[in-house]
Amino acid sequence: MGTSRDSLIAVSDGVLRKLNFPELAAILAHEITHVKNNDIRVMTFAAIAGRITKILSLLGQFLVLVNLPLIAFTEIGLNWFALLIMVFAPLLSDLIQLGLSRVREYDADLGSALLLGNAKPLASALAKMEQYKHNYFGSLFIPVQRIPEPSLLRTHPPTEERIRRLLEFHKTAQLEPVADQYDYGREIPVPFAKHRPQHPRRRITGFWY
């Protein structure tokens, strides 16, 4: 979150536990690219434009409904093409916003590969997170296979496509690794990622855990 001048990146405990050092570096490089490109500001402007579009569309539809008697009893005609644009403008705005988000994700993947000089760590991290996303316990409680979300309605591109592009870029681009001194099989030495045993107690919300 934030801008290139004042930003913050939060890392979950699960990422620290499950990813090795190069994979974590690739994820952070991906997020740093988002910060460098001011993607949060870009997506905020896109969201504001989408909300303004929805407000204007609802206002226009309301005015059409109010003027229906005038339209019915007079010879005033309607521009049906403009009316259809007004009705579907919020949907088109949402689709454009989602498409912009997917494009920025591809750019952040590229930035991660360029920062590290290696596209494989991010591809490995994406594959590992996708594996944990569809774990055994999830399939146990939800045995029915989920309907895949259409590509046009996703904020992020399909993981398989992101991995394919990264590996293809790694083969074709002349990358200079900047982290050869690290052992790519070594786990992250993060001592604070270990949970400290805590006795259950009643929290301020009233729950006991």
N, C-alpha and C. Protein backbone atom coordinates (compact mmCIF):
# COMPACT_ATOMS: atom_id res chain seq x y z
N MET A 1 0.84 -1.19 0.00
CA MET A 1 0.00 0.00 0.00
C MET A 1 0.87 1.24 0.00
N GLY A 2 0.27 2.36 -0.42
CA GLY A 2 1.02 3.60 -0.46
C GLY A 2 1.50 3.94 -1.86
N THR A 3 2.40 4.91 -1.94
CA THR A 3 2.95 5.35 -3.21
C THR A 3 4.45 5.10 -3.23
N SER A 4 5.09 5.49 -4.33
CA SER A 4 6.53 5.27 -4.44
C SER A 4 7.30 6.09 -3.42
N ARG A 5 6.71 7.17 -2.92
CA ARG A 5 7.38 8.00 -1.91
C ARG A 5 7.16 7.49 -0.49
N ASP A 6 6.00 6.92 -0.24
CA ASP A 6 5.67 6.46 1.11
C ASP A 6 4.87 5.17 0.97
N SER A 7 5.51 4.04 1.16
CA SER A 7 4.86 2.76 0.87
C SER A 7 5.10 1.78 2.01
N LEU A 8 4.32 0.71 1.98
CA LEU A 8 4.39 -0.35 2.99
C LEU A 8 4.02 -1.66 2.34
N ILE A 9 4.80 -2.70 2.61
CA ILE A 9 4.53 -4.05 2.11
C ILE A 9 4.37 -4.96 3.31
N ALA A 10 3.24 -5.62 3.42
CA ALA A 10 2.98 -6.56 4.52
C ALA A 10 3.17 -7.99 4.01
N VAL A 11 3.82 -8.82 4.80
CA VAL A 11 4.09 -10.21 4.45
C VAL A 11 3.42 -11.11 5.49
N SER A 12 2.65 -12.04 5.02
CA SER A 12 1.94 -12.92 5.95
C SER A 12 2.88 -13.96 6.55
N ASP A 13 2.47 -14.49 7.68
CA ASP A 13 3.26 -15.52 8.36
C ASP A 13 3.32 -16.79 7.52
N GLY A 14 2.23 -17.09 6.80
CA GLY A 14 2.23 -18.28 5.96
C GLY A 14 3.25 -18.20 4.84
N VAL A 15 3.41 -17.01 4.24
CA VAL A 15 4.41 -16.84 3.18
C VAL A 15 5.81 -17.03 3.74
N LEU A 16 6.06 -16.51 4.93
CA LEU A 16 7.38 -16.65 5.54
C LEU A 16 7.68 -18.12 5.86
N ARG A 17 6.66 -18.87 6.18
CA ARG A 17 6.88 -20.27 6.55
C ARG A 17 7.04 -21.19 5.34
N LYS A 18 6.29 -20.92 4.28
CA LYS A 18 6.20 -21.88 3.18
C LYS A 18 7.16 -21.59 2.03
N LEU A 19 7.61 -20.33 1.88
CA LEU A 19 8.48 -20.00 0.76
C LEU A 19 9.93 -19.97 1.21
N ASN A 20 10.82 -20.39 0.32
CA ASN A 20 12.24 -20.27 0.63
C ASN A 20 12.72 -18.86 0.32
N PHE A 21 14.00 -18.62 0.55
CA PHE A 21 14.51 -17.25 0.46
C PHE A 21 14.37 -16.65 -0.94
N PRO A 22 14.77 -17.33 -2.01
CA PRO A 22 14.61 -16.73 -3.35
C PRO A 22 13.16 -16.48 -3.71
N GLU A 23 12.26 -17.39 -3.30
CA GLU A 23 10.84 -17.20 -3.60
C GLU A 23 10.29 -15.98 -2.87
N LEU A 24 10.67 -15.81 -1.62
CA LEU A 24 10.24 -14.62 -0.88
C LEU A 24 10.80 -13.36 -1.51
N ALA A 25 12.08 -13.40 -1.93
CA ALA A 25 12.67 -12.24 -2.61
C ALA A 25 11.92 -11.91 -3.90
N ALA A 26 11.49 -12.95 -4.61
CA ALA A 26 10.74 -12.72 -5.86
C ALA A 26 9.38 -12.08 -5.58
N ILE A 27 8.70 -12.54 -4.52
CA ILE A 27 7.41 -11.96 -4.16
C ILE A 27 7.58 -10.49 -3.76
N LEU A 28 8.61 -10.21 -2.96
CA LEU A 28 8.85 -8.83 -2.54
C LEU A 28 9.23 -7.96 -3.75
N ALA A 29 10.01 -8.50 -4.67
CA ALA A 29 10.35 -7.76 -5.88
C ALA A 29 9.11 -7.46 -6.72
N HIS A 30 8.18 -8.41 -6.74
CA HIS A 30 6.91 -8.20 -7.44
C HIS A 30 6.15 -7.03 -6.81
N GLU A 31 6.07 -7.02 -5.48
CA GLU A 31 5.35 -5.94 -4.80
C GLU A 31 6.09 -4.61 -4.90
N ILE A 32 7.42 -4.66 -4.86
CA ILE A 32 8.20 -3.43 -5.02
C ILE A 32 7.96 -2.82 -6.41
N THR A 33 7.80 -3.67 -7.41
CA THR A 33 7.49 -3.17 -8.76
C THR A 33 6.14 -2.48 -8.78
N HIS A 34 5.17 -3.06 -8.05
CA HIS A 34 3.87 -2.39 -7.93
C HIS A 34 4.04 -0.99 -7.34
N VAL A 35 4.86 -0.91 -6.29
CA VAL A 35 5.08 0.38 -5.63
C VAL A 35 5.78 1.35 -6.59
N LYS A 36 6.81 0.85 -7.27
CA LYS A 36 7.59 1.69 -8.18
C LYS A 36 6.73 2.24 -9.31
N ASN A 37 5.80 1.42 -9.81
CA ASN A 37 4.94 1.84 -10.91
C ASN A 37 3.70 2.62 -10.45
N ASN A 38 3.61 2.86 -9.12
CA ASN A 38 2.44 3.58 -8.58
C ASN A 38 1.14 2.91 -8.98
N ASP A 39 1.13 1.58 -8.93
CA ASP A 39 -0.07 0.84 -9.34
C ASP A 39 -1.25 1.10 -8.42
N ILE A 40 -0.99 1.33 -7.14
CA ILE A 40 -2.10 1.59 -6.22
C ILE A 40 -2.80 2.89 -6.61
N ARG A 41 -2.01 3.90 -6.96
CA ARG A 41 -2.60 5.18 -7.38
C ARG A 41 -3.38 5.00 -8.68
N VAL A 42 -2.80 4.23 -9.62
CA VAL A 42 -3.47 4.01 -10.90
C VAL A 42 -4.80 3.30 -10.69
N MET A 43 -4.80 2.23 -9.86
CA MET A 43 -6.03 1.48 -9.64
C MET A 43 -7.03 2.30 -8.82
N THR A 44 -6.54 3.18 -7.96
CA THR A 44 -7.45 4.05 -7.22
C THR A 44 -8.17 5.00 -8.16
N PHE A 45 -7.42 5.60 -9.09
CA PHE A 45 -8.04 6.47 -10.09
C PHE A 45 -9.05 5.70 -10.94
N ALA A 46 -8.69 4.46 -11.30
CA ALA A 46 -9.61 3.64 -12.09
C ALA A 46 -10.88 3.33 -11.31
N ALA A 47 -10.73 3.06 -10.01
CA ALA A 47 -11.91 2.78 -9.18
C ALA A 47 -12.79 4.02 -9.04
N ILE A 48 -12.17 5.19 -8.87
CA ILE A 48 -12.94 6.43 -8.77
C ILE A 48 -13.69 6.70 -10.07
N ALA A 49 -13.02 6.50 -11.19
CA ALA A 49 -13.67 6.69 -12.49
C ALA A 49 -14.83 5.72 -12.65
N GLY A 50 -14.66 4.49 -12.18
CA GLY A 50 -15.74 3.51 -12.25
C GLY A 50 -16.94 3.91 -11.40
N ARG A 51 -16.69 4.44 -10.22
CA ARG A 51 -17.79 4.87 -9.35
C ARG A 51 -18.53 6.06 -9.95
N ILE A 52 -17.77 7.01 -10.53
CA ILE A 52 -18.42 8.16 -11.17
C ILE A 52 -19.28 7.69 -12.35
N THR A 53 -18.76 6.71 -13.10
CA THR A 53 -19.53 6.17 -14.22
C THR A 53 -20.83 5.53 -13.74
N LYS A 54 -20.76 4.78 -12.65
CA LYS A 54 -21.98 4.15 -12.11
C LYS A 54 -22.98 5.20 -11.64
N ILE A 55 -22.50 6.24 -10.97
CA ILE A 55 -23.40 7.29 -10.47
C ILE A 55 -24.08 8.00 -11.64
N LEU A 56 -23.30 8.35 -12.67
CA LEU A 56 -23.88 9.05 -13.82
C LEU A 56 -24.85 8.14 -14.57
N SER A 57 -24.54 6.83 -14.64
CA SER A 57 -25.43 5.90 -15.32
C SER A 57 -26.77 5.78 -14.57
N LEU A 58 -26.70 5.66 -13.25
CA LEU A 58 -27.93 5.58 -12.46
C LEU A 58 -28.74 6.87 -12.56
N LEU A 59 -28.05 8.01 -12.55
CA LEU A 59 -28.73 9.29 -12.68
C LEU A 59 -29.43 9.41 -14.04
N GLY A 60 -28.72 8.98 -15.09
CA GLY A 60 -29.32 9.02 -16.42
C GLY A 60 -30.52 8.11 -16.53
N GLN A 61 -30.44 6.91 -15.97
CA GLN A 61 -31.59 5.99 -16.01
C GLN A 61 -32.77 6.55 -15.23
N PHE A 62 -32.48 7.20 -14.10
CA PHE A 62 -33.55 7.81 -13.31
C PHE A 62 -34.25 8.93 -14.09
N LEU A 63 -33.47 9.75 -14.79
CA LEU A 63 -34.06 10.83 -15.58
C LEU A 63 -34.90 10.28 -16.73
N VAL A 64 -34.47 9.17 -17.32
CA VAL A 64 -35.27 8.55 -18.38
C VAL A 64 -36.60 8.06 -17.84
N LEU A 65 -36.58 7.43 -16.66
CA LEU A 65 -37.83 6.96 -16.05
C LEU A 65 -38.76 8.12 -15.71
N VAL A 66 -38.20 9.21 -15.19
CA VAL A 66 -39.01 10.36 -14.84
C VAL A 66 -39.67 10.97 -16.07
N ASN A 67 -38.98 10.96 -17.18
CA ASN A 67 -39.49 11.58 -18.41
C ASN A 67 -40.24 10.61 -19.31
N LEU A 68 -40.53 9.40 -18.83
CA LEU A 68 -41.28 8.45 -19.66
C LEU A 68 -42.65 8.98 -20.09
N PRO A 69 -43.44 9.61 -19.20
CA PRO A 69 -44.72 10.16 -19.67
C PRO A 69 -44.55 11.20 -20.77
N LEU A 70 -43.54 12.06 -20.63
CA LEU A 70 -43.29 13.06 -21.65
C LEU A 70 -42.90 12.42 -22.97
N ILE A 71 -42.12 11.34 -22.88
CA ILE A 71 -41.69 10.65 -24.10
C ILE A 71 -42.86 9.92 -24.74
N ALA A 72 -43.77 9.38 -23.90
CA ALA A 72 -44.88 8.58 -24.42
C ALA A 72 -45.93 9.43 -25.12
N PHE A 73 -46.19 10.64 -24.61
CA PHE A 73 -47.29 11.45 -25.13
C PHE A 73 -46.81 12.58 -26.04
N THR A 74 -45.56 12.58 -26.37
CA THR A 74 -45.05 13.59 -27.30
C THR A 74 -44.28 12.88 -28.40
N GLU A 75 -43.78 13.65 -29.30
CA GLU A 75 -43.02 13.09 -30.43
C GLU A 75 -41.52 13.07 -30.16
N ILE A 76 -41.15 13.23 -28.90
CA ILE A 76 -39.73 13.20 -28.55
C ILE A 76 -39.23 11.76 -28.66
N GLY A 77 -38.17 11.58 -29.38
CA GLY A 77 -37.60 10.24 -29.56
C GLY A 77 -36.41 10.01 -28.65
N LEU A 78 -36.04 8.75 -28.55
CA LEU A 78 -34.89 8.35 -27.74
C LEU A 78 -33.79 7.83 -28.64
N ASN A 79 -32.59 8.15 -28.30
CA ASN A 79 -31.43 7.58 -28.97
C ASN A 79 -31.11 6.26 -28.27
N TRP A 80 -31.60 5.17 -28.84
CA TRP A 80 -31.47 3.87 -28.18
C TRP A 80 -30.02 3.44 -28.05
N PHE A 81 -29.20 3.81 -28.99
CA PHE A 81 -27.78 3.45 -28.90
C PHE A 81 -27.13 4.13 -27.69
N ALA A 82 -27.43 5.43 -27.52
CA ALA A 82 -26.88 6.15 -26.35
C ALA A 82 -27.46 5.59 -25.06
N LEU A 83 -28.73 5.17 -25.08
CA LEU A 83 -29.35 4.60 -23.88
C LEU A 83 -28.68 3.28 -23.50
N LEU A 84 -28.37 2.45 -24.50
CA LEU A 84 -27.69 1.19 -24.22
C LEU A 84 -26.28 1.43 -23.65
N ILE A 85 -25.59 2.42 -24.21
CA ILE A 85 -24.27 2.76 -23.68
C ILE A 85 -24.36 3.20 -22.23
N MET A 86 -25.39 3.99 -21.93
CA MET A 86 -25.57 4.47 -20.56
C MET A 86 -25.86 3.32 -19.60
N VAL A 87 -26.64 2.34 -20.04
CA VAL A 87 -27.00 1.21 -19.18
C VAL A 87 -25.81 0.31 -18.93
N PHE A 88 -25.04 0.04 -20.00
CA PHE A 88 -23.95 -0.92 -19.88
C PHE A 88 -22.60 -0.27 -19.57
N ALA A 89 -22.57 1.04 -19.40
CA ALA A 89 -21.32 1.73 -19.10
C ALA A 89 -20.68 1.25 -17.80
N PRO A 90 -21.44 1.04 -16.70
CA PRO A 90 -20.80 0.53 -15.47
C PRO A 90 -20.16 -0.84 -15.67
N LEU A 91 -20.81 -1.73 -16.43
CA LEU A 91 -20.24 -3.04 -16.68
C LEU A 91 -18.96 -2.93 -17.49
N LEU A 92 -18.97 -2.10 -18.52
CA LEU A 92 -17.77 -1.90 -19.32
C LEU A 92 -16.65 -1.29 -18.49
N SER A 93 -17.01 -0.37 -17.61
CA SER A 93 -16.00 0.25 -16.73
C SER A 93 -15.36 -0.79 -15.82
N ASP A 94 -16.18 -1.69 -15.26
CA ASP A 94 -15.64 -2.75 -14.39
C ASP A 94 -14.72 -3.69 -15.17
N LEU A 95 -15.11 -4.04 -16.38
CA LEU A 95 -14.28 -4.94 -17.19
C LEU A 95 -12.95 -4.28 -17.55
N ILE A 96 -12.99 -2.99 -17.86
CA ILE A 96 -11.75 -2.27 -18.16
C ILE A 96 -10.86 -2.20 -16.93
N GLN A 97 -11.46 -1.97 -15.77
CA GLN A 97 -10.69 -1.91 -14.53
C GLN A 97 -10.05 -3.26 -14.21
N LEU A 98 -10.78 -4.35 -14.40
CA LEU A 98 -10.21 -5.68 -14.16
C LEU A 98 -9.10 -5.99 -15.16
N GLY A 99 -9.30 -5.59 -16.43
CA GLY A 99 -8.25 -5.79 -17.43
C GLY A 99 -7.00 -5.01 -17.10
N LEU A 100 -7.17 -3.78 -16.62
CA LEU A 100 -6.01 -2.98 -16.21
C LEU A 100 -5.28 -3.63 -15.05
N SER A 101 -6.01 -4.20 -14.10
CA SER A 101 -5.39 -4.88 -12.97
C SER A 101 -4.56 -6.06 -13.44
N ARG A 102 -5.08 -6.84 -14.39
CA ARG A 102 -4.32 -7.99 -14.89
C ARG A 102 -3.06 -7.56 -15.62
N VAL A 103 -3.15 -6.47 -16.37
CA VAL A 103 -1.97 -5.96 -17.08
C VAL A 103 -0.90 -5.53 -16.08
N ARG A 104 -1.31 -4.85 -15.01
CA ARG A 104 -0.33 -4.41 -14.00
C ARG A 104 0.32 -5.60 -13.30
N GLU A 105 -0.41 -6.70 -13.16
CA GLU A 105 0.18 -7.89 -12.56
C GLU A 105 1.26 -8.48 -13.45
N TYR A 106 1.01 -8.52 -14.75
CA TYR A 106 2.03 -9.00 -15.68
C TYR A 106 3.27 -8.11 -15.63
N ASP A 107 3.05 -6.79 -15.55
CA ASP A 107 4.18 -5.86 -15.47
C ASP A 107 4.97 -6.07 -14.18
N ALA A 108 4.26 -6.35 -13.08
CA ALA A 108 4.95 -6.59 -11.81
C ALA A 108 5.74 -7.90 -11.86
N ASP A 109 5.21 -8.92 -12.54
CA ASP A 109 5.96 -10.16 -12.72
C ASP A 109 7.25 -9.91 -13.49
N LEU A 110 7.15 -9.12 -14.55
CA LEU A 110 8.34 -8.79 -15.34
C LEU A 110 9.34 -8.01 -14.49
N GLY A 111 8.84 -7.06 -13.70
CA GLY A 111 9.73 -6.29 -12.85
C GLY A 111 10.45 -7.15 -11.83
N SER A 112 9.76 -8.16 -11.29
CA SER A 112 10.40 -9.07 -10.34
C SER A 112 11.53 -9.84 -11.00
N ALA A 113 11.28 -10.34 -12.22
CA ALA A 113 12.32 -11.08 -12.94
C ALA A 113 13.52 -10.20 -13.25
N LEU A 114 13.28 -8.95 -13.61
CA LEU A 114 14.38 -8.04 -13.93
C LEU A 114 15.16 -7.64 -12.68
N LEU A 115 14.46 -7.44 -11.56
CA LEU A 115 15.15 -7.05 -10.33
C LEU A 115 16.07 -8.15 -9.82
N LEU A 116 15.60 -9.40 -9.89
CA LEU A 116 16.40 -10.52 -9.39
C LEU A 116 17.35 -11.08 -10.44
N GLY A 117 17.07 -10.75 -11.71
CA GLY A 117 17.87 -11.37 -12.76
C GLY A 117 17.54 -12.83 -12.93
N ASN A 118 16.36 -13.24 -12.48
CA ASN A 118 15.96 -14.64 -12.56
C ASN A 118 14.44 -14.68 -12.43
N ALA A 119 13.77 -15.33 -13.39
CA ALA A 119 12.31 -15.42 -13.37
C ALA A 119 11.81 -16.68 -12.70
N LYS A 120 12.71 -17.64 -12.44
CA LYS A 120 12.27 -18.92 -11.88
C LYS A 120 11.78 -18.83 -10.44
N PRO A 121 12.39 -18.03 -9.55
CA PRO A 121 11.89 -17.98 -8.17
C PRO A 121 10.43 -17.53 -8.08
N LEU A 122 10.02 -16.53 -8.86
CA LEU A 122 8.64 -16.10 -8.81
C LEU A 122 7.72 -17.17 -9.38
N ALA A 123 8.15 -17.84 -10.45
CA ALA A 123 7.34 -18.93 -11.00
C ALA A 123 7.17 -20.04 -9.97
N SER A 124 8.24 -20.35 -9.25
CA SER A 124 8.17 -21.37 -8.21
C SER A 124 7.25 -20.94 -7.07
N ALA A 125 7.33 -19.66 -6.68
CA ALA A 125 6.47 -19.16 -5.60
C ALA A 125 5.00 -19.19 -6.01
N LEU A 126 4.70 -18.80 -7.25
CA LEU A 126 3.32 -18.83 -7.72
C LEU A 126 2.78 -20.25 -7.75
N ALA A 127 3.60 -21.20 -8.22
CA ALA A 127 3.17 -22.60 -8.25
C ALA A 127 2.92 -23.13 -6.84
N LYS A 128 3.80 -22.76 -5.92
CA LYS A 128 3.64 -23.24 -4.54
C LYS A 128 2.39 -22.65 -3.89
N MET A 129 2.14 -21.36 -4.09
CA MET A 129 0.95 -20.75 -3.51
C MET A 129 -0.33 -21.30 -4.12
N GLU A 130 -0.28 -21.61 -5.41
CA GLU A 130 -1.44 -22.22 -6.05
C GLU A 130 -1.69 -23.61 -5.49
N GLN A 131 -0.61 -24.32 -5.18
CA GLN A 131 -0.75 -25.66 -4.60
C GLN A 131 -1.39 -25.59 -3.22
N TYR A 132 -0.97 -24.64 -2.40
CA TYR A 132 -1.56 -24.50 -1.07
C TYR A 132 -2.98 -23.95 -1.14
N LYS A 133 -3.27 -23.23 -2.20
CA LYS A 133 -4.62 -22.69 -2.37
C LYS A 133 -5.63 -23.81 -2.57
N HIS A 134 -5.24 -24.85 -3.30
CA HIS A 134 -6.11 -26.00 -3.54
C HIS A 134 -5.58 -27.19 -2.74
N ASN A 135 -5.64 -27.08 -1.44
CA ASN A 135 -5.07 -28.14 -0.60
C ASN A 135 -6.08 -29.25 -0.35
N TYR A 136 -5.63 -30.24 0.41
CA TYR A 136 -6.45 -31.42 0.66
C TYR A 136 -7.67 -31.08 1.52
N PHE A 137 -7.47 -30.25 2.53
CA PHE A 137 -8.56 -29.94 3.44
C PHE A 137 -9.65 -29.14 2.74
N GLY A 138 -9.24 -28.28 1.81
CA GLY A 138 -10.24 -27.55 1.05
C GLY A 138 -11.11 -28.46 0.21
N SER A 139 -10.49 -29.44 -0.44
CA SER A 139 -11.26 -30.39 -1.23
C SER A 139 -12.07 -31.33 -0.36
N LEU A 140 -11.65 -31.52 0.90
CA LEU A 140 -12.39 -32.38 1.82
C LEU A 140 -13.70 -31.73 2.24
N PHE A 141 -13.65 -30.44 2.57
CA PHE A 141 -14.86 -29.74 3.00
C PHE A 141 -15.70 -29.26 1.83
N ILE A 142 -15.06 -29.01 0.68
CA ILE A 142 -15.79 -28.61 -0.52
C ILE A 142 -15.43 -29.61 -1.62
N PRO A 143 -16.05 -30.81 -1.59
CA PRO A 143 -15.63 -31.87 -2.53
C PRO A 143 -15.97 -31.56 -3.98
N VAL A 144 -17.00 -30.74 -4.21
CA VAL A 144 -17.39 -30.42 -5.58
C VAL A 144 -16.37 -29.45 -6.18
N GLN A 145 -15.91 -29.76 -7.35
CA GLN A 145 -14.92 -28.90 -8.00
C GLN A 145 -15.54 -27.54 -8.31
N ARG A 146 -14.82 -26.48 -7.94
CA ARG A 146 -15.33 -25.13 -8.15
C ARG A 146 -15.34 -24.78 -9.63
N ILE A 147 -16.35 -24.01 -10.00
CA ILE A 147 -16.44 -23.54 -11.38
C ILE A 147 -15.35 -22.50 -11.60
N PRO A 148 -14.50 -22.68 -12.59
CA PRO A 148 -13.42 -21.71 -12.81
C PRO A 148 -13.98 -20.33 -13.12
N GLU A 149 -13.35 -19.34 -12.54
CA GLU A 149 -13.79 -17.95 -12.75
C GLU A 149 -13.38 -17.50 -14.14
N PRO A 150 -14.30 -16.89 -14.89
CA PRO A 150 -13.93 -16.41 -16.24
C PRO A 150 -12.76 -15.43 -16.18
N SER A 151 -11.94 -15.46 -17.20
CA SER A 151 -10.75 -14.62 -17.22
C SER A 151 -11.09 -13.13 -17.17
N LEU A 152 -12.24 -12.75 -17.79
CA LEU A 152 -12.61 -11.34 -17.81
C LEU A 152 -13.02 -10.82 -16.44
N LEU A 153 -13.32 -11.72 -15.50
CA LEU A 153 -13.80 -11.30 -14.18
C LEU A 153 -12.74 -11.48 -13.11
N ARG A 154 -11.50 -11.66 -13.50
CA ARG A 154 -10.41 -11.89 -12.55
C ARG A 154 -9.59 -10.62 -12.38
N THR A 155 -9.17 -10.36 -11.14
CA THR A 155 -8.26 -9.23 -10.90
C THR A 155 -6.82 -9.63 -11.23
N HIS A 156 -6.51 -10.93 -11.13
CA HIS A 156 -5.17 -11.44 -11.44
C HIS A 156 -5.28 -12.42 -12.61
N PRO A 157 -4.27 -12.46 -13.46
CA PRO A 157 -4.28 -13.43 -14.55
C PRO A 157 -4.22 -14.86 -13.99
N PRO A 158 -4.58 -15.85 -14.79
CA PRO A 158 -4.44 -17.24 -14.35
C PRO A 158 -2.99 -17.56 -13.99
N THR A 159 -2.83 -18.28 -12.90
CA THR A 159 -1.47 -18.59 -12.43
C THR A 159 -0.67 -19.36 -13.47
N GLU A 160 -1.34 -20.28 -14.17
CA GLU A 160 -0.63 -21.06 -15.19
C GLU A 160 -0.06 -20.18 -16.28
N GLU A 161 -0.84 -19.16 -16.68
CA GLU A 161 -0.37 -18.25 -17.72
C GLU A 161 0.78 -17.39 -17.22
N ARG A 162 0.72 -16.97 -15.96
CA ARG A 162 1.81 -16.17 -15.39
C ARG A 162 3.10 -16.99 -15.33
N ILE A 163 2.99 -18.23 -14.91
CA ILE A 163 4.18 -19.10 -14.84
C ILE A 163 4.73 -19.34 -16.23
N ARG A 164 3.85 -19.58 -17.20
CA ARG A 164 4.31 -19.83 -18.56
C ARG A 164 5.07 -18.63 -19.12
N ARG A 165 4.56 -17.44 -18.89
CA ARG A 165 5.22 -16.23 -19.39
C ARG A 165 6.56 -16.02 -18.70
N LEU A 166 6.61 -16.29 -17.40
CA LEU A 166 7.87 -16.11 -16.68
C LEU A 166 8.94 -17.06 -17.19
N LEU A 167 8.58 -18.33 -17.37
CA LEU A 167 9.57 -19.30 -17.84
C LEU A 167 9.99 -19.01 -19.28
N GLU A 168 9.05 -18.56 -20.09
CA GLU A 168 9.39 -18.21 -21.47
C GLU A 168 10.32 -16.99 -21.50
N PHE A 169 10.05 -16.03 -20.63
CA PHE A 169 10.91 -14.85 -20.55
C PHE A 169 12.30 -15.23 -20.05
N HIS A 170 12.36 -16.18 -19.12
CA HIS A 170 13.65 -16.60 -18.59
C HIS A 170 14.50 -17.27 -19.67
N LYS A 171 13.85 -17.97 -20.60
CA LYS A 171 14.59 -18.64 -21.66
C LYS A 171 15.10 -17.67 -22.71
N THR A 172 14.28 -16.67 -23.03
CA THR A 172 14.60 -15.79 -24.15
C THR A 172 15.41 -14.55 -23.74
N ALA A 173 15.22 -14.08 -22.51
CA ALA A 173 15.89 -12.84 -22.09
C ALA A 173 17.29 -13.13 -21.58
N GLN A 174 18.16 -12.17 -21.72
CA GLN A 174 19.52 -12.27 -21.22
C GLN A 174 19.55 -11.65 -19.82
N LEU A 175 19.24 -12.46 -18.82
CA LEU A 175 19.17 -11.96 -17.45
C LEU A 175 20.49 -12.19 -16.73
N GLU A 176 20.86 -11.26 -15.92
CA GLU A 176 22.07 -11.37 -15.11
C GLU A 176 21.66 -11.55 -13.65
N PRO A 177 21.84 -12.77 -13.10
CA PRO A 177 21.43 -13.01 -11.71
C PRO A 177 22.16 -12.08 -10.75
N VAL A 178 21.41 -11.56 -9.79
CA VAL A 178 21.99 -10.67 -8.78
C VAL A 178 22.03 -11.32 -7.41
N ALA A 179 21.59 -12.56 -7.32
CA ALA A 179 21.53 -13.22 -6.01
C ALA A 179 22.13 -14.61 -6.06
N ASP A 180 23.24 -14.75 -6.81
CA ASP A 180 23.87 -16.06 -6.89
C ASP A 180 24.46 -16.51 -5.57
N GLN A 181 24.70 -15.57 -4.66
CA GLN A 181 25.32 -15.96 -3.40
C GLN A 181 24.36 -16.72 -2.49
N TYR A 182 23.07 -16.73 -2.84
CA TYR A 182 22.10 -17.42 -2.01
C TYR A 182 21.91 -18.85 -2.48
N ASP A 183 21.69 -19.73 -1.55
CA ASP A 183 21.37 -21.11 -1.85
C ASP A 183 19.89 -21.20 -2.15
N TYR A 184 19.52 -21.54 -3.39
CA TYR A 184 18.13 -21.52 -3.79
C TYR A 184 17.32 -22.66 -3.17
N GLY A 185 17.93 -23.53 -2.45
CA GLY A 185 17.18 -24.57 -1.76
C GLY A 185 17.06 -24.31 -0.27
N ARG A 186 17.67 -23.21 0.19
CA ARG A 186 17.68 -22.93 1.61
C ARG A 186 16.36 -22.29 2.04
N GLU A 187 15.87 -22.71 3.19
CA GLU A 187 14.65 -22.11 3.72
C GLU A 187 14.96 -20.75 4.32
N ILE A 188 13.94 -19.95 4.53
CA ILE A 188 14.12 -18.60 5.02
C ILE A 188 14.51 -18.63 6.49
N PRO A 189 15.62 -18.02 6.87
CA PRO A 189 15.99 -17.98 8.29
C PRO A 189 15.25 -16.85 9.01
N VAL A 190 13.99 -17.08 9.30
CA VAL A 190 13.17 -16.06 9.96
C VAL A 190 12.76 -16.57 11.32
N PRO A 191 13.50 -16.26 12.37
CA PRO A 191 13.16 -16.80 13.68
C PRO A 191 11.84 -16.28 14.22
N PHE A 192 11.46 -15.05 13.80
CA PHE A 192 10.23 -14.50 14.36
C PHE A 192 8.99 -15.10 13.72
N ALA A 193 9.18 -15.98 12.71
CA ALA A 193 8.02 -16.61 12.09
C ALA A 193 7.46 -17.73 12.95
N LYS A 194 8.22 -18.18 13.97
CA LYS A 194 7.75 -19.24 14.84
C LYS A 194 6.73 -18.69 15.83
N HIS A 195 5.64 -19.43 15.99
CA HIS A 195 4.61 -19.00 16.92
C HIS A 195 5.07 -19.24 18.35
N ARG A 196 4.84 -18.27 19.18
CA ARG A 196 5.10 -18.43 20.59
C ARG A 196 3.86 -19.00 21.26
N PRO A 197 4.03 -19.99 22.12
CA PRO A 197 2.85 -20.57 22.77
C PRO A 197 2.14 -19.53 23.64
N GLN A 198 0.85 -19.43 23.47
CA GLN A 198 0.05 -18.51 24.24
C GLN A 198 -1.11 -19.26 24.88
N HIS A 199 -1.39 -18.91 26.13
CA HIS A 199 -2.52 -19.52 26.81
C HIS A 199 -3.81 -18.86 26.33
N PRO A 200 -4.85 -19.63 26.17
CA PRO A 200 -6.13 -19.03 25.74
C PRO A 200 -6.65 -18.07 26.79
N ARG A 201 -7.22 -16.99 26.32
CA ARG A 201 -7.80 -15.99 27.22
C ARG A 201 -8.91 -15.27 26.48
N ARG A 202 -9.73 -14.57 27.25
CA ARG A 202 -10.84 -13.84 26.66
C ARG A 202 -10.33 -12.52 26.07
N ARG A 203 -10.67 -12.28 24.82
CA ARG A 203 -10.21 -11.07 24.15
C ARG A 203 -11.20 -9.94 24.37
N ILE A 204 -10.83 -8.77 23.89
CA ILE A 204 -11.67 -7.60 24.06
C ILE A 204 -12.97 -7.74 23.29
N THR A 205 -12.97 -8.58 22.26
CA THR A 205 -14.20 -8.81 21.49
C THR A 205 -15.17 -9.73 22.19
N GLY A 206 -14.72 -10.40 23.28
CA GLY A 206 -15.57 -11.33 24.00
C GLY A 206 -15.31 -12.77 23.65
N PHE A 207 -14.51 -13.02 22.60
CA PHE A 207 -14.22 -14.40 22.19
C PHE A 207 -13.06 -14.96 23.00
N TRP A 208 -13.10 -16.27 23.22
CA TRP A 208 -12.07 -16.97 23.99
C TRP A 208 -11.25 -17.83 23.03
N TYR A 209 -9.96 -17.52 22.92
CA TYR A 209 -9.09 -18.36 22.09
C TYR A 209 -7.66 -18.12 22.47
